[in-house]
Structure formats: structure tokens, C-alpha cells
Amino acid sequence: MTRKAGPCALIVLLAVLSAGLPVRAERGRSQIEKPKIFQDSYPIVSDSDFLCSFFVLEAAASARIEGAEASDGMTLIGEGELVWARGADGEDVRPGQVFAVIEPSEPTPGAKPGQGPGPIAFRRGRLRVVRLDGPIFLGRIEKACGTIRAGCLLLPYEEKAPILGRDLGYNAVFKGGETVTGRLSYFRDGLVQAGPGDWILIDIGGGQGLQAGQQLTVFSKPEGDRPPRAAANVVIVDVGLDTATVKVLSAREALHVGDLVQVKEPRGD
């Protein structure tokens, strides 16, 4: 005699069948979100690199932040706050226009007064124009990634897509004078060492054929008769005429100011 399945048995069966669904979904998700080392490409230069890194200021900028709209003695300005700003003479500012917020800082290492590249400048965020009021305008700080205060400069903001690629590593041999070579020249905040994820200024740039997204090998400074040893791989975030900002993708040891950086040889596929 055949017995019919009761309500409890049906509930158990449905629970067993549905339990497999999240497992398959989770398995599919784990296949999509593979560790970066196994991905064909991923963002090696991200939005935050473009928005928050430092560089050598080569363009003149007279537009600047005058102060916070809510003037209550505040000297620091945060994300989402409204500020009054003054545009450059003759500049056509319009509502909705976006500016990069820049804080110029110390002179470029090795530059003599009045000579060489401009000062090192820190990207502090992004401002969008809300309203015009004669020669000044009201803007909102859309993104902040550092200290913003009255006097920060404003440069037209250039939207950039993240640069996709893979860490090419530092399996390389130093080539002496056979290829473009420079040095690590500046670490932020007075740091004496740098490692993966850090931004570094180098003393070669677009004038030497460098381009954003290009990867370079860092070699430790030679000591005695020991030749330079490959120590890290970096990617170019921003290019000036004779300088560039790079981000460390991977490293075998701590990097130091004065370490050598060299263009990679083309890879044969």
C-alpha cells in the first residue's frame, strides 16, 4: 500500500532543493570575483589615484577657494560643504562645471628657485559649480580626499577612466645606459620608505616618452660593486614634462628616495 507524502515531508523536500540555490549562486560569484593575481585585467590605476595623488604643478592656476559658505570660523572644509570661490580672470565659469581642488606644497626636490619644474601639488578632491554670483561662484565639494581650506587652487577637472591591466612584476635586469632611466625623487609626508599602494614622484616624464598606464621597474640603489637589483614594479598615474607620479603595484623590499626606475623592454607575445 502506497503512502502519500504528508505536508511535513513536502516542506523538508522544498528546503533541501532551495538550499542548493545559494550554493550555486555563491559558486558563480566566487568565479567572477577571482583574486587579482588570477584576473586577465583589473584597474591598476583607479579613480582615487586620479583624484587624490600628488604631481608637479606645471600649469598656472589663479582660480581658488575663498572660504566656506557657512563662515563660522572654520578653516577646514569637508565633503558635501558649500564654498565660495573666485574664477581666474577672463575664465568662463558655468553652473555644473567641475574643478579639481589642488593644494600646492613644497618645491620639487632638486629644483633651484625660479628654475626647473613647479611645486609639488596635492589633489584634495573635486568641486562642482552650483551658482554664479558676479566674479565669484558657489560650489559644492563633491569628493574630498585630504585637507581642503581657503586658498586651495582650482583647475579644470578632467574625467578619466580607470586604467585596466595586470601587474607585470619586477623580473628584470638593469640595462645601464641602454634605456630610459630615472630615480625616485619624492615620497609624501616626509616618508623615508615606500611600498605597495604608495604614490611616488620620479624625475622622468613625458619628455622622455613616458605615458600614463605604463609600467616601470624599480631597482635598488647600487652598493659597492653590487649591481642594481630589481625591487618593485610601478605604474604611471600622471605624467608631466620631466616628472611623473607612479603607484607601487608590487615590491620585494622597501623603496627609498634615489632608487633607480627604468622603462621595461617590450614583451614578446
Protein backbone atom coordinates (compact mmCIF):
# COMPACT_ATOMS: atom_id res chain seq x y z
CA MET A 1 0.00 0.00 0.00
CA THR A 2 1.49 3.37 -1.09
CA ARG A 3 1.56 6.13 1.45
CA LYS A 4 1.08 9.76 0.38
CA ALA A 5 3.71 12.31 1.38
CA GLY A 6 2.44 14.49 4.16
CA PRO A 7 2.84 18.28 4.46
CA CYS A 8 5.95 17.93 6.63
CA ALA A 9 7.69 15.78 4.02
CA LEU A 10 6.93 18.34 1.29
CA ILE A 11 8.33 21.15 3.42
CA VAL A 12 11.55 19.20 4.03
CA LEU A 13 11.87 18.44 0.29
CA LEU A 14 11.44 22.10 -0.67
CA ALA A 15 14.00 23.15 1.93
CA VAL A 16 16.56 20.67 0.56
CA LEU A 17 16.02 21.79 -3.04
CA SER A 18 16.19 25.51 -2.23
CA ALA A 19 19.31 25.04 -0.11
CA GLY A 20 21.31 24.23 -3.24
CA LEU A 21 20.45 27.51 -4.95
CA PRO A 22 22.60 29.84 -2.80
CA VAL A 23 25.47 27.37 -3.08
CA ARG A 24 25.38 27.57 -6.88
CA ALA A 25 24.97 31.35 -6.76
CA GLU A 26 27.87 31.66 -4.33
CA ARG A 27 29.96 29.37 -6.52
CA GLY A 28 29.24 31.57 -9.54
CA ARG A 29 30.09 34.69 -7.57
CA SER A 30 33.40 33.22 -6.44
CA GLN A 31 34.28 32.51 -10.07
CA ILE A 32 33.58 36.15 -11.00
CA GLU A 33 35.43 37.68 -8.06
CA LYS A 34 38.73 35.89 -8.57
CA PRO A 35 41.80 37.22 -6.77
CA LYS A 36 43.51 39.92 -8.82
CA ILE A 37 46.57 37.78 -9.45
CA PHE A 38 44.40 35.38 -11.49
CA GLN A 39 42.44 38.02 -13.42
CA ASP A 40 43.31 38.88 -17.01
CA SER A 41 42.97 42.59 -16.19
CA TYR A 42 41.79 44.83 -13.38
CA PRO A 43 42.07 48.56 -12.51
CA ILE A 44 45.78 49.16 -11.90
CA VAL A 45 45.10 52.92 -11.86
CA SER A 46 41.81 53.74 -10.13
CA ASP A 47 39.56 56.77 -9.70
CA SER A 48 41.14 57.52 -6.32
CA ASP A 49 44.61 57.55 -7.90
CA PHE A 50 43.48 60.24 -10.35
CA LEU A 51 41.58 62.18 -7.70
CA CYS A 52 43.89 62.03 -4.69
CA SER A 53 47.52 61.61 -5.78
CA PHE A 54 50.20 64.32 -5.99
CA PHE A 55 52.03 65.71 -9.01
CA VAL A 56 54.25 68.58 -10.15
CA LEU A 57 52.17 71.68 -10.86
CA GLU A 58 53.15 72.95 -14.31
CA ALA A 59 50.02 74.92 -15.29
CA ALA A 60 49.31 78.35 -13.82
CA ALA A 61 46.14 78.46 -11.72
CA SER A 62 44.58 81.65 -10.35
CA ALA A 63 41.10 80.27 -9.54
CA ARG A 64 40.88 79.46 -5.87
CA ILE A 65 38.59 78.74 -2.92
CA GLU A 66 37.77 81.87 -0.89
CA GLY A 67 36.15 80.12 2.07
CA ALA A 68 33.19 78.10 3.32
CA GLU A 69 29.67 79.45 2.72
CA ALA A 70 28.82 78.86 6.38
CA SER A 71 31.55 81.21 7.63
CA ASP A 72 31.71 80.29 11.30
CA GLY A 73 35.44 80.46 11.74
CA MET A 74 36.04 77.07 10.13
CA THR A 75 39.39 76.75 8.40
CA LEU A 76 38.92 73.15 7.20
CA ILE A 77 36.28 72.27 4.62
CA GLY A 78 34.75 68.81 4.27
CA GLU A 79 32.95 66.74 1.67
CA GLY A 80 29.46 67.98 0.80
CA GLU A 81 30.07 71.53 2.07
CA LEU A 82 29.43 74.66 0.03
CA VAL A 83 32.27 77.08 -0.61
CA TRP A 84 32.74 80.46 -2.24
CA ALA A 85 35.37 80.53 -4.97
CA ARG A 86 36.77 83.06 -7.40
CA GLY A 87 37.46 82.15 -11.01
CA ALA A 88 40.51 83.15 -13.00
CA ASP A 89 40.38 86.48 -14.84
CA GLY A 90 38.59 86.01 -18.14
CA GLU A 91 37.65 82.40 -17.34
CA ASP A 92 34.14 81.40 -18.41
CA VAL A 93 32.75 79.57 -15.38
CA ARG A 94 29.34 77.92 -15.78
CA PRO A 95 26.94 76.09 -13.43
CA GLY A 96 27.68 72.36 -13.31
CA GLN A 97 31.33 72.83 -14.24
CA VAL A 98 33.74 70.63 -12.28
CA PHE A 99 37.12 71.67 -10.87
CA ALA A 100 39.91 69.68 -9.25
CA VAL A 101 40.85 71.05 -5.84
CA ILE A 102 44.63 71.44 -5.62
CA GLU A 103 46.89 72.33 -2.69
CA PRO A 104 50.38 73.43 -3.78
CA SER A 105 53.05 72.49 -1.30
CA GLU A 106 56.81 72.15 -1.22
CA PRO A 107 59.29 72.81 -4.05
CA THR A 108 60.16 69.93 -6.35
CA PRO A 109 63.23 68.08 -4.96
CA GLY A 110 66.45 69.29 -6.55
CA ALA A 111 64.88 72.32 -8.24
CA LYS A 112 66.63 75.68 -7.83
CA PRO A 113 64.48 78.74 -7.06
CA GLY A 114 62.96 80.03 -10.29
CA GLN A 115 64.25 77.06 -12.26
CA GLY A 116 63.10 73.54 -13.06
CA PRO A 117 59.60 72.15 -12.61
CA GLY A 118 56.94 73.77 -10.45
CA PRO A 119 55.98 72.89 -6.87
CA ILE A 120 54.58 69.56 -5.77
CA ALA A 121 50.79 69.81 -5.60
CA PHE A 122 48.32 67.55 -3.82
CA ARG A 123 44.94 66.70 -5.28
CA ARG A 124 42.44 67.27 -2.47
CA GLY A 125 39.13 66.49 -4.17
CA ARG A 126 36.56 67.73 -6.64
CA LEU A 127 34.23 70.77 -6.69
CA ARG A 128 31.09 71.34 -8.78
CA VAL A 129 29.81 74.85 -9.51
CA VAL A 130 26.32 75.43 -8.08
CA ARG A 131 25.63 79.12 -8.67
CA LEU A 132 27.31 82.16 -10.19
CA ASP A 133 27.38 85.47 -8.32
CA GLY A 134 29.32 88.05 -10.34
CA PRO A 135 33.08 87.41 -10.20
CA ILE A 136 32.68 84.70 -7.57
CA PHE A 137 30.70 81.46 -7.56
CA LEU A 138 29.27 78.96 -5.12
CA GLY A 139 30.48 75.38 -5.40
CA ARG A 140 29.95 72.11 -3.57
CA ILE A 141 32.79 69.78 -2.57
CA GLU A 142 31.69 66.52 -4.21
CA LYS A 143 34.70 64.47 -3.18
CA ALA A 144 37.35 65.16 -0.57
CA CYS A 145 40.48 63.10 -0.07
CA GLY A 146 42.54 65.39 2.10
CA THR A 147 42.61 68.75 3.83
CA ILE A 148 40.65 71.43 1.95
CA ARG A 149 40.98 75.02 3.09
CA ALA A 150 40.65 78.57 1.80
CA GLY A 151 43.39 79.29 -0.71
CA CYS A 152 43.32 75.88 -2.41
CA LEU A 153 43.63 76.26 -6.18
CA LEU A 154 41.08 75.12 -8.74
CA LEU A 155 41.97 73.52 -12.08
CA PRO A 156 39.51 72.25 -14.71
CA TYR A 157 38.71 68.65 -13.83
CA GLU A 158 39.43 66.02 -16.46
CA GLU A 159 37.34 62.86 -16.13
CA LYS A 160 39.49 59.78 -16.68
CA ALA A 161 38.51 56.13 -16.94
CA PRO A 162 40.37 53.66 -14.70
CA ILE A 163 43.32 52.05 -16.48
CA LEU A 164 42.98 48.28 -16.76
CA GLY A 165 45.91 45.89 -16.86
CA ARG A 166 47.94 43.38 -14.87
CA ASP A 167 50.92 43.74 -12.59
CA LEU A 168 53.84 42.80 -14.85
CA GLY A 169 56.13 42.22 -11.87
CA TYR A 170 59.81 43.06 -11.46
CA ASN A 171 61.60 40.13 -13.08
CA ALA A 172 64.05 42.34 -14.94
CA VAL A 173 67.77 43.04 -15.29
CA PHE A 174 69.19 46.56 -15.08
CA LYS A 175 70.28 47.76 -18.52
CA GLY A 176 72.72 50.53 -17.64
CA GLY A 177 72.58 53.33 -20.20
CA GLU A 178 70.69 51.31 -22.78
CA THR A 179 67.20 52.51 -21.87
CA VAL A 180 65.35 55.42 -20.25
CA THR A 181 66.32 55.57 -16.57
CA GLY A 182 65.36 57.90 -13.73
CA ARG A 183 65.20 57.99 -9.94
CA LEU A 184 62.58 58.01 -7.22
CA SER A 185 62.62 61.62 -6.05
CA TYR A 186 59.81 62.20 -3.53
CA PHE A 187 57.63 60.33 -1.04
CA ARG A 188 54.72 62.16 0.56
CA ASP A 189 54.60 63.36 4.17
CA GLY A 190 58.36 63.09 4.63
CA LEU A 191 58.33 59.29 4.49
CA VAL A 192 61.70 57.62 4.02
CA GLN A 193 60.31 54.34 2.66
CA ALA A 194 57.51 53.34 0.29
CA GLY A 195 55.76 50.10 -0.61
CA PRO A 196 52.75 48.66 -2.48
CA GLY A 197 49.90 51.17 -2.89
CA ASP A 198 52.08 54.23 -2.26
CA TRP A 199 52.46 57.10 -4.72
CA ILE A 200 55.96 58.26 -5.65
CA LEU A 201 57.33 61.10 -7.76
CA ILE A 202 60.04 60.20 -10.30
CA ASP A 203 62.35 62.52 -12.22
CA ILE A 204 61.50 61.44 -15.77
CA GLY A 205 58.26 62.11 -17.64
CA GLY A 206 56.58 62.82 -20.94
CA GLY A 207 59.70 64.45 -22.31
CA GLN A 208 61.36 61.06 -22.07
CA GLY A 209 58.43 59.28 -23.75
CA LEU A 210 56.53 58.10 -20.65
CA GLN A 211 52.74 57.68 -20.72
CA ALA A 212 50.01 57.11 -18.11
CA GLY A 213 49.40 53.40 -17.53
CA GLN A 214 52.94 52.41 -18.48
CA GLN A 215 54.70 50.08 -16.04
CA LEU A 216 58.30 50.57 -14.91
CA THR A 217 60.78 48.53 -12.89
CA VAL A 218 62.38 49.97 -9.76
CA PHE A 219 65.95 48.90 -8.92
CA SER A 220 67.61 49.30 -5.54
CA LYS A 221 70.49 51.75 -5.42
CA PRO A 222 73.80 50.01 -6.19
CA GLU A 223 76.07 49.49 -3.19
CA GLY A 224 79.76 48.96 -3.82
CA ASP A 225 80.30 46.50 -6.64
CA ARG A 226 76.79 45.09 -6.34
CA PRO A 227 74.68 45.91 -9.43
CA PRO A 228 71.19 47.37 -9.00
CA ARG A 229 68.67 44.66 -8.10
CA ALA A 230 65.05 44.65 -9.30
CA ALA A 231 62.95 45.63 -6.28
CA ALA A 232 59.46 46.68 -7.42
CA ASN A 233 57.00 47.30 -10.22
CA VAL A 234 55.20 50.65 -10.55
CA VAL A 235 52.55 52.08 -12.88
CA ILE A 236 52.39 55.69 -14.09
CA VAL A 237 49.38 57.63 -12.79
CA ASP A 238 50.19 61.14 -14.00
CA VAL A 239 52.78 62.46 -16.48
CA GLY A 240 54.43 65.88 -16.55
CA LEU A 241 57.14 67.11 -18.86
CA ASP A 242 60.13 65.90 -16.82
CA THR A 243 58.39 64.20 -13.89
CA ALA A 244 55.73 61.57 -13.34
CA THR A 245 53.68 60.20 -10.45
CA VAL A 246 53.73 56.41 -10.11
CA LYS A 247 51.94 53.91 -7.87
CA VAL A 248 53.71 50.87 -6.46
CA LEU A 249 51.96 47.68 -7.63
CA SER A 250 54.31 45.14 -6.05
CA ALA A 251 57.67 45.11 -4.27
CA ARG A 252 60.12 42.67 -2.73
CA GLU A 253 61.55 45.25 -0.33
CA ALA A 254 61.04 48.80 0.93
CA LEU A 255 61.82 51.51 -1.62
CA HIS A 256 63.93 54.60 -0.93
CA VAL A 257 64.44 58.01 -2.50
CA GLY A 258 67.26 57.68 -5.02
CA ASP A 259 66.35 54.15 -6.13
CA LEU A 260 66.52 53.76 -9.91
CA VAL A 261 63.48 53.38 -12.15
CA GLN A 262 63.67 52.03 -15.68
CA VAL A 263 61.37 51.56 -18.65
CA LYS A 264 60.53 47.92 -19.29
CA GLU A 265 61.59 46.27 -22.52
CA PRO A 266 58.72 45.35 -24.87
CA ARG A 267 57.39 41.89 -24.12
CA GLY A 268 57.24 39.38 -26.92
CA ASP A 269 53.88 37.59 -27.16
